[in-house]
PDB file of N, CA and C in Angstrom:
ATOM      1  N   MET A   1     -12.148   4.401 -15.188  1.00  0.00           N
ATOM      2  CA  MET A   1     -12.246   4.312 -13.626  1.00  0.00           C
ATOM      3  C   MET A   1     -12.236   2.836 -13.232  1.00  0.00           C
ATOM      4  N   VAL A   2     -11.614   2.379 -12.308  1.00  0.00           N
ATOM      5  CA  VAL A   2     -11.837   0.931 -11.886  1.00  0.00           C
ATOM      6  C   VAL A   2     -12.727   1.054 -10.576  1.00  0.00           C
ATOM      7  N   ASN A   3     -13.617   0.066 -10.433  1.00  0.00           N
ATOM      8  CA  ASN A   3     -14.546  -0.054  -9.226  1.00  0.00           C
ATOM      9  C   ASN A   3     -14.154  -1.316  -8.498  1.00  0.00           C
ATOM     10  N   VAL A   4     -13.457  -0.921  -7.336  1.00  0.00           N
ATOM     11  CA  VAL A   4     -12.754  -2.137  -6.576  1.00  0.00           C
ATOM     12  C   VAL A   4     -13.517  -2.127  -5.313  1.00  0.00           C
ATOM     13  N   ASP A   5     -14.079  -3.236  -4.823  1.00  0.00           N
ATOM     14  CA  ASP A   5     -14.521  -3.066  -3.268  1.00  0.00           C
ATOM     15  C   ASP A   5     -13.566  -3.496  -2.352  1.00  0.00           C
ATOM     16  N   LEU A   6     -13.302  -2.602  -1.414  1.00  0.00           N
ATOM     17  CA  LEU A   6     -12.171  -2.956  -0.346  1.00  0.00           C
ATOM     18  C   LEU A   6     -12.735  -3.181   0.791  1.00  0.00           C
ATOM     19  N   ALA A   7     -14.042  -3.257   0.895  1.00  0.00           N
ATOM     20  CA  ALA A   7     -14.644  -3.204   2.396  1.00  0.00           C
ATOM     21  C   ALA A   7     -14.210  -4.331   3.196  1.00  0.00           C
ATOM     22  N   GLY A   8     -13.899  -5.602   2.500  1.00  0.00           N
ATOM     23  CA  GLY A   8     -13.625  -6.908   3.274  1.00  0.00           C
ATOM     24  C   GLY A   8     -12.150  -7.058   3.086  1.00  0.00           C
ATOM     25  N   ALA A   9     -11.298  -6.055   2.523  1.00  0.00           N
ATOM     26  CA  ALA A   9      -9.932  -6.188   2.226  1.00  0.00           C
ATOM     27  C   ALA A   9      -9.179  -6.408   3.625  1.00  0.00           C
ATOM     28  N   LEU A  10      -7.899  -7.260   3.506  1.00  0.00           N
ATOM     29  CA  LEU A  10      -7.124  -7.445   4.636  1.00  0.00           C
ATOM     30  C   LEU A  10      -6.068  -6.562   4.476  1.00  0.00           C
ATOM     31  N   TRP A  11      -6.002  -5.335   5.370  1.00  0.00           N
ATOM     32  CA  TRP A  11      -5.071  -4.319   5.231  1.00  0.00           C
ATOM     33  C   TRP A  11      -3.892  -4.787   6.003  1.00  0.00           C
ATOM     34  N   ARG A  12      -2.581  -4.605   5.631  1.00  0.00           N
ATOM     35  CA  ARG A  12      -1.432  -4.963   6.361  1.00  0.00           C
ATOM     36  C   ARG A  12      -0.286  -3.920   6.255  1.00  0.00           C
ATOM     37  N   THR A  13       0.500  -3.981   7.192  1.00  0.00           N
ATOM     38  CA  THR A  13       1.656  -3.098   7.203  1.00  0.00           C
ATOM     39  C   THR A  13       2.873  -3.796   7.027  1.00  0.00           C
ATOM     40  N   SER A  14       4.077  -3.254   6.757  1.00  0.00           N
ATOM     41  CA  SER A  14       5.462  -3.948   6.582  1.00  0.00           C
ATOM     42  C   SER A  14       5.748  -4.448   7.940  1.00  0.00           C
ATOM     43  N   THR A  15       6.502  -5.549   7.934  1.00  0.00           N
ATOM     44  CA  THR A  15       7.025  -6.028   9.100  1.00  0.00           C
ATOM     45  C   THR A  15       8.170  -5.240   9.705  1.00  0.00           C
ATOM     46  N   TYR A  16       8.331  -4.257   8.808  1.00  0.00           N
ATOM     47  CA  TYR A  16       9.569  -3.132   9.296  1.00  0.00           C
ATOM     48  C   TYR A  16       8.957  -2.020   9.998  1.00  0.00           C
ATOM     49  N   THR A  17       7.614  -1.888  10.300  1.00  0.00           N
ATOM     50  CA  THR A  17       7.005  -0.915  10.686  1.00  0.00           C
ATOM     51  C   THR A  17       7.394  -0.703  12.059  1.00  0.00           C
ATOM     52  N   GLN A  18       7.831   0.338  12.618  1.00  0.00           N
ATOM     53  CA  GLN A  18       8.254   0.669  13.940  1.00  0.00           C
ATOM     54  C   GLN A  18       7.136   1.086  14.917  1.00  0.00           C
ATOM     55  N   GLY A  19       5.888   0.901  14.716  1.00  0.00           N
ATOM     56  CA  GLY A  19       4.831   1.134  15.533  1.00  0.00           C
ATOM     57  C   GLY A  19       4.450   2.597  15.794  1.00  0.00           C
ATOM     58  N   ASN A  20       5.073   3.469  15.050  1.00  0.00           N
ATOM     59  CA  ASN A  20       4.759   4.883  15.289  1.00  0.00           C
ATOM     60  C   ASN A  20       3.636   5.556  14.605  1.00  0.00           C
ATOM     61  N   GLY A  21       3.105   4.574  13.791  1.00  0.00           N
ATOM     62  CA  GLY A  21       1.874   5.089  13.198  1.00  0.00           C
ATOM     63  C   GLY A  21       2.051   5.734  11.656  1.00  0.00           C
ATOM     64  N   ALA A  22       3.418   6.052  11.381  1.00  0.00           N
ATOM     65  CA  ALA A  22       3.765   6.677  10.206  1.00  0.00           C
ATOM     66  C   ALA A  22       4.064   5.593   9.119  1.00  0.00           C
ATOM     67  N   CYS A  23       3.046   4.897   8.682  1.00  0.00           N
ATOM     68  CA  CYS A  23       3.393   4.079   7.707  1.00  0.00           C
ATOM     69  C   CYS A  23       2.165   3.916   6.585  1.00  0.00           C
ATOM     70  N   VAL A  24       2.232   3.249   5.637  1.00  0.00           N
ATOM     71  CA  VAL A  24       1.284   2.866   4.799  1.00  0.00           C
ATOM     72  C   VAL A  24       0.754   1.404   5.134  1.00  0.00           C
ATOM     73  N   GLU A  25      -0.587   1.237   4.481  1.00  0.00           N
ATOM     74  CA  GLU A  25      -1.052  -0.148   4.709  1.00  0.00           C
ATOM     75  C   GLU A  25      -1.360  -0.364   3.241  1.00  0.00           C
ATOM     76  N   VAL A  26      -1.448  -1.984   2.890  1.00  0.00           N
ATOM     77  CA  VAL A  26      -1.574  -2.408   1.622  1.00  0.00           C
ATOM     78  C   VAL A  26      -2.638  -3.540   1.593  1.00  0.00           C
ATOM     79  N   ALA A  27      -3.594  -3.602   0.686  1.00  0.00           N
ATOM     80  CA  ALA A  27      -4.501  -4.618   0.757  1.00  0.00           C
ATOM     81  C   ALA A  27      -4.459  -5.024  -0.704  1.00  0.00           C
ATOM     82  N   LEU A  28      -4.183  -6.369  -1.064  1.00  0.00           N
ATOM     83  CA  LEU A  28      -4.001  -6.876  -2.372  1.00  0.00           C
ATOM     84  C   LEU A  28      -5.308  -7.606  -2.637  1.00  0.00           C
ATOM     85  N   THR A  29      -5.939  -7.193  -3.746  1.00  0.00           N
ATOM     86  CA  THR A  29      -6.883  -7.958  -4.518  1.00  0.00           C
ATOM     87  C   THR A  29      -6.785  -8.659  -5.648  1.00  0.00           C
ATOM     88  N   PRO A  30      -7.387  -9.334  -6.190  1.00  0.00           N
ATOM     89  CA  PRO A  30      -7.082 -10.034  -7.333  1.00  0.00           C
ATOM     90  C   PRO A  30      -6.833  -9.303  -8.556  1.00  0.00           C
ATOM     91  N   SER A  31      -7.236  -7.875  -8.682  1.00  0.00           N
ATOM     92  CA  SER A  31      -7.004  -7.045  -9.825  1.00  0.00           C
ATOM     93  C   SER A  31      -5.952  -5.905  -9.458  1.00  0.00           C
ATOM     94  N   VAL A  32      -5.932  -5.403  -8.098  1.00  0.00           N
ATOM     95  CA  VAL A  32      -5.176  -4.230  -7.803  1.00  0.00           C
ATOM     96  C   VAL A  32      -4.535  -4.329  -6.548  1.00  0.00           C
ATOM     97  N   ALA A  33      -3.634  -3.356  -6.175  1.00  0.00           N
ATOM     98  CA  ALA A  33      -3.187  -3.055  -4.832  1.00  0.00           C
ATOM     99  C   ALA A  33      -3.774  -1.751  -4.316  1.00  0.00           C
ATOM    100  N   GLY A  34      -4.376  -1.989  -3.160  1.00  0.00           N
ATOM    101  CA  GLY A  34      -4.874  -0.753  -2.444  1.00  0.00           C
ATOM    102  C   GLY A  34      -4.021  -0.261  -1.569  1.00  0.00           C
ATOM    103  N   ILE A  35      -3.534   1.143  -1.660  1.00  0.00           N
ATOM    104  CA  ILE A  35      -2.697   1.534  -0.556  1.00  0.00           C
ATOM    105  C   ILE A  35      -3.198   2.788   0.123  1.00  0.00           C
ATOM    106  N   ARG A  36      -2.978   2.755   1.399  1.00  0.00           N
ATOM    107  CA  ARG A  36      -3.495   4.000   2.117  1.00  0.00           C
ATOM    108  C   ARG A  36      -2.723   4.295   3.409  1.00  0.00           C
ATOM    109  N   ASP A  37      -2.991   5.601   3.902  1.00  0.00           N
ATOM    110  CA  ASP A  37      -2.206   5.901   5.028  1.00  0.00           C
ATOM    111  C   ASP A  37      -2.701   5.255   6.406  1.00  0.00           C
ATOM    112  N   SER A  38      -1.833   4.679   6.986  1.00  0.00           N
ATOM    113  CA  SER A  38      -2.252   4.165   8.365  1.00  0.00           C
ATOM    114  C   SER A  38      -2.727   4.982   9.376  1.00  0.00           C
ATOM    115  N   LYS A  39      -2.367   6.413   9.343  1.00  0.00           N
ATOM    116  CA  LYS A  39      -2.918   7.203  10.174  1.00  0.00           C
ATOM    117  C   LYS A  39      -4.410   7.749   9.949  1.00  0.00           C
ATOM    118  N   GLN A  40      -4.735   7.474   8.677  1.00  0.00           N
ATOM    119  CA  GLN A  40      -6.198   8.003   8.145  1.00  0.00           C
ATOM    120  C   GLN A  40      -6.709   6.870   7.352  1.00  0.00           C
ATOM    121  N   PRO A  41      -7.198   5.665   8.189  1.00  0.00           N
ATOM    122  CA  PRO A  41      -7.625   4.738   7.300  1.00  0.00           C
ATOM    123  C   PRO A  41      -9.023   4.776   6.656  1.00  0.00           C
ATOM    124  N   ASP A  42      -9.789   5.907   6.939  1.00  0.00           N
ATOM    125  CA  ASP A  42     -10.972   6.219   6.457  1.00  0.00           C
ATOM    126  C   ASP A  42     -10.729   7.235   5.301  1.00  0.00           C
ATOM    127  N   GLY A  43      -9.384   7.637   5.052  1.00  0.00           N
ATOM    128  CA  GLY A  43      -9.297   8.728   3.837  1.00  0.00           C
ATOM    129  C   GLY A  43      -9.049   7.988   2.652  1.00  0.00           C
ATOM    130  N   GLY A  44      -8.589   8.449   1.786  1.00  0.00           N
ATOM    131  CA  GLY A  44      -8.349   8.044   0.464  1.00  0.00           C
ATOM    132  C   GLY A  44      -7.599   6.863   0.299  1.00  0.00           C
ATOM    133  N   VAL A  45      -7.691   6.074  -0.881  1.00  0.00           N
ATOM    134  CA  VAL A  45      -6.950   4.911  -1.282  1.00  0.00           C
ATOM    135  C   VAL A  45      -6.362   5.060  -2.625  1.00  0.00           C
ATOM    136  N   VAL A  46      -5.126   4.852  -2.746  1.00  0.00           N
ATOM    137  CA  VAL A  46      -4.503   4.724  -4.047  1.00  0.00           C
ATOM    138  C   VAL A  46      -4.727   3.449  -4.473  1.00  0.00           C
ATOM    139  N   LEU A  47      -4.999   3.133  -5.749  1.00  0.00           N
ATOM    140  CA  LEU A  47      -5.034   1.837  -6.589  1.00  0.00           C
ATOM    141  C   LEU A  47      -3.993   1.822  -7.567  1.00  0.00           C
ATOM    142  N   ALA A  48      -3.250   0.714  -7.341  1.00  0.00           N
ATOM    143  CA  ALA A  48      -2.078   0.617  -8.477  1.00  0.00           C
ATOM    144  C   ALA A  48      -2.287  -0.889  -9.026  1.00  0.00           C
ATOM    145  N   GLY A  49      -1.969  -0.931 -10.229  1.00  0.00           N
ATOM    146  CA  GLY A  49      -2.122  -2.269 -11.042  1.00  0.00           C
ATOM    147  C   GLY A  49      -0.686  -3.030 -10.441  1.00  0.00           C
ATOM    148  N   PHE A  50      -0.727  -4.123 -10.588  1.00  0.00           N
ATOM    149  CA  PHE A  50       0.254  -5.063 -10.189  1.00  0.00           C
ATOM    150  C   PHE A  50       1.656  -4.733 -10.740  1.00  0.00           C
ATOM    151  N   PRO A  51       1.913  -4.312 -12.019  1.00  0.00           N
ATOM    152  CA  PRO A  51       3.179  -3.872 -12.569  1.00  0.00           C
ATOM    153  C   PRO A  51       3.726  -2.563 -11.797  1.00  0.00           C
ATOM    154  N   ALA A  52       2.758  -1.775 -11.580  1.00  0.00           N
ATOM    155  CA  ALA A  52       3.302  -0.651 -10.863  1.00  0.00           C
ATOM    156  C   ALA A  52       3.593  -0.902  -9.497  1.00  0.00           C
ATOM    157  N   TRP A  53       2.866  -1.602  -8.850  1.00  0.00           N
ATOM    158  CA  TRP A  53       3.024  -2.223  -7.332  1.00  0.00           C
ATOM    159  C   TRP A  53       4.256  -2.999  -7.362  1.00  0.00           C
ATOM    160  N   ASP A  54       4.612  -3.918  -8.205  1.00  0.00           N
ATOM    161  CA  ASP A  54       5.905  -4.609  -8.166  1.00  0.00           C
ATOM    162  C   ASP A  54       6.914  -3.677  -8.420  1.00  0.00           C
ATOM    163  N   ALA A  55       7.080  -2.795  -9.256  1.00  0.00           N
ATOM    164  CA  ALA A  55       8.190  -1.758  -9.483  1.00  0.00           C
ATOM    165  C   ALA A  55       8.308  -0.932  -8.235  1.00  0.00           C
ATOM    166  N   PHE A  56       7.265  -0.517  -7.534  1.00  0.00           N
ATOM    167  CA  PHE A  56       7.507   0.234  -6.152  1.00  0.00           C
ATOM    168  C   PHE A  56       8.184  -0.734  -5.358  1.00  0.00           C
ATOM    169  N   ARG A  57       7.600  -1.851  -5.011  1.00  0.00           N
ATOM    170  CA  ARG A  57       8.014  -2.833  -4.158  1.00  0.00           C
ATOM    171  C   ARG A  57       9.610  -3.223  -4.276  1.00  0.00           C
ATOM    172  N   ARG A  58       9.958  -3.416  -5.580  1.00  0.00           N
ATOM    173  CA  ARG A  58      11.304  -3.659  -5.845  1.00  0.00           C
ATOM    174  C   ARG A  58      12.234  -2.373  -5.444  1.00  0.00           C
ATOM    175  N   ALA A  59      11.672  -1.345  -5.768  1.00  0.00           N
ATOM    176  CA  ALA A  59      12.352  -0.226  -5.673  1.00  0.00           C
ATOM    177  C   ALA A  59      12.792   0.121  -4.075  1.00  0.00           C
ATOM    178  N   VAL A  60      11.646  -0.065  -3.265  1.00  0.00           N
ATOM    179  CA  VAL A  60      12.002   0.064  -1.966  1.00  0.00           C
ATOM    180  C   VAL A  60      13.008  -1.059  -1.313  1.00  0.00           C
ATOM    181  N   LYS A  61      12.740  -2.281  -1.748  1.00  0.00           N
ATOM    182  CA  LYS A  61      13.554  -3.332  -1.405  1.00  0.00           C
ATOM    183  C   LYS A  61      14.871  -3.161  -1.721  1.00  0.00           C
ATOM    184  N   GLY A  62      15.192  -2.433  -3.015  1.00  0.00           N
ATOM    185  CA  GLY A  62      16.516  -2.184  -3.436  1.00  0.00           C
ATOM    186  C   GLY A  62      16.987  -0.865  -2.992  1.00  0.00           C
ATOM    187  N   ALA A  63      16.443  -0.280  -1.929  1.00  0.00           N
ATOM    188  CA  ALA A  63      16.885   0.900  -1.365  1.00  0.00           C
ATOM    189  C   ALA A  63      17.124   2.092  -2.505  1.00  0.00           C
ATOM    190  N   GLU A  64      16.296   2.125  -3.532  1.00  0.00           N
ATOM    191  CA  GLU A  64      16.247   3.076  -4.583  1.00  0.00           C
ATOM    192  C   GLU A  64      15.642   4.271  -4.243  1.00  0.00           C
ATOM    193  N   LEU A  65      14.818   4.331  -3.113  1.00  0.00           N
ATOM    194  CA  LEU A  65      13.827   5.551  -3.023  1.00  0.00           C
ATOM    195  C   LEU A  65      14.648   6.318  -1.752  1.00  0.00           C
ATOM    196  N   ASP A  66      14.559   7.466  -1.591  1.00  0.00           N
ATOM    197  CA  ASP A  66      14.977   8.241  -0.629  1.00  0.00           C
ATOM    198  C   ASP A  66      13.932   8.239   0.406  1.00  0.00           C
ATOM    199  N   PRO A  67      14.206   7.709   1.796  1.00  0.00           N
ATOM    200  CA  PRO A  67      13.116   7.638   2.751  1.00  0.00           C
ATOM    201  C   PRO A  67      12.633   8.796   3.337  1.00  0.00           C
ATOM    202  N   ARG A  68      13.196   9.989   3.048  1.00  0.00           N
ATOM    203  CA  ARG A  68      12.901  11.199   3.497  1.00  0.00           C
ATOM    204  C   ARG A  68      11.585  11.848   3.038  1.00  0.00           C
TER     205      ARG A  68
END
């Protein structure tokens, strides 16, 4: 298990967010990407290593994922 302190992390959303609150937020640390639901910022956080985060980001940008 990885122990990562996200207390002072800068959470951001995509510039494509439509302001309806239905998006994810991402915080990048030196070791992992933290991902959370913008509607429940005090809920759980998924931690992803940079290889997994980069693969996800490339898939989204390449429209390889079904947005539904």
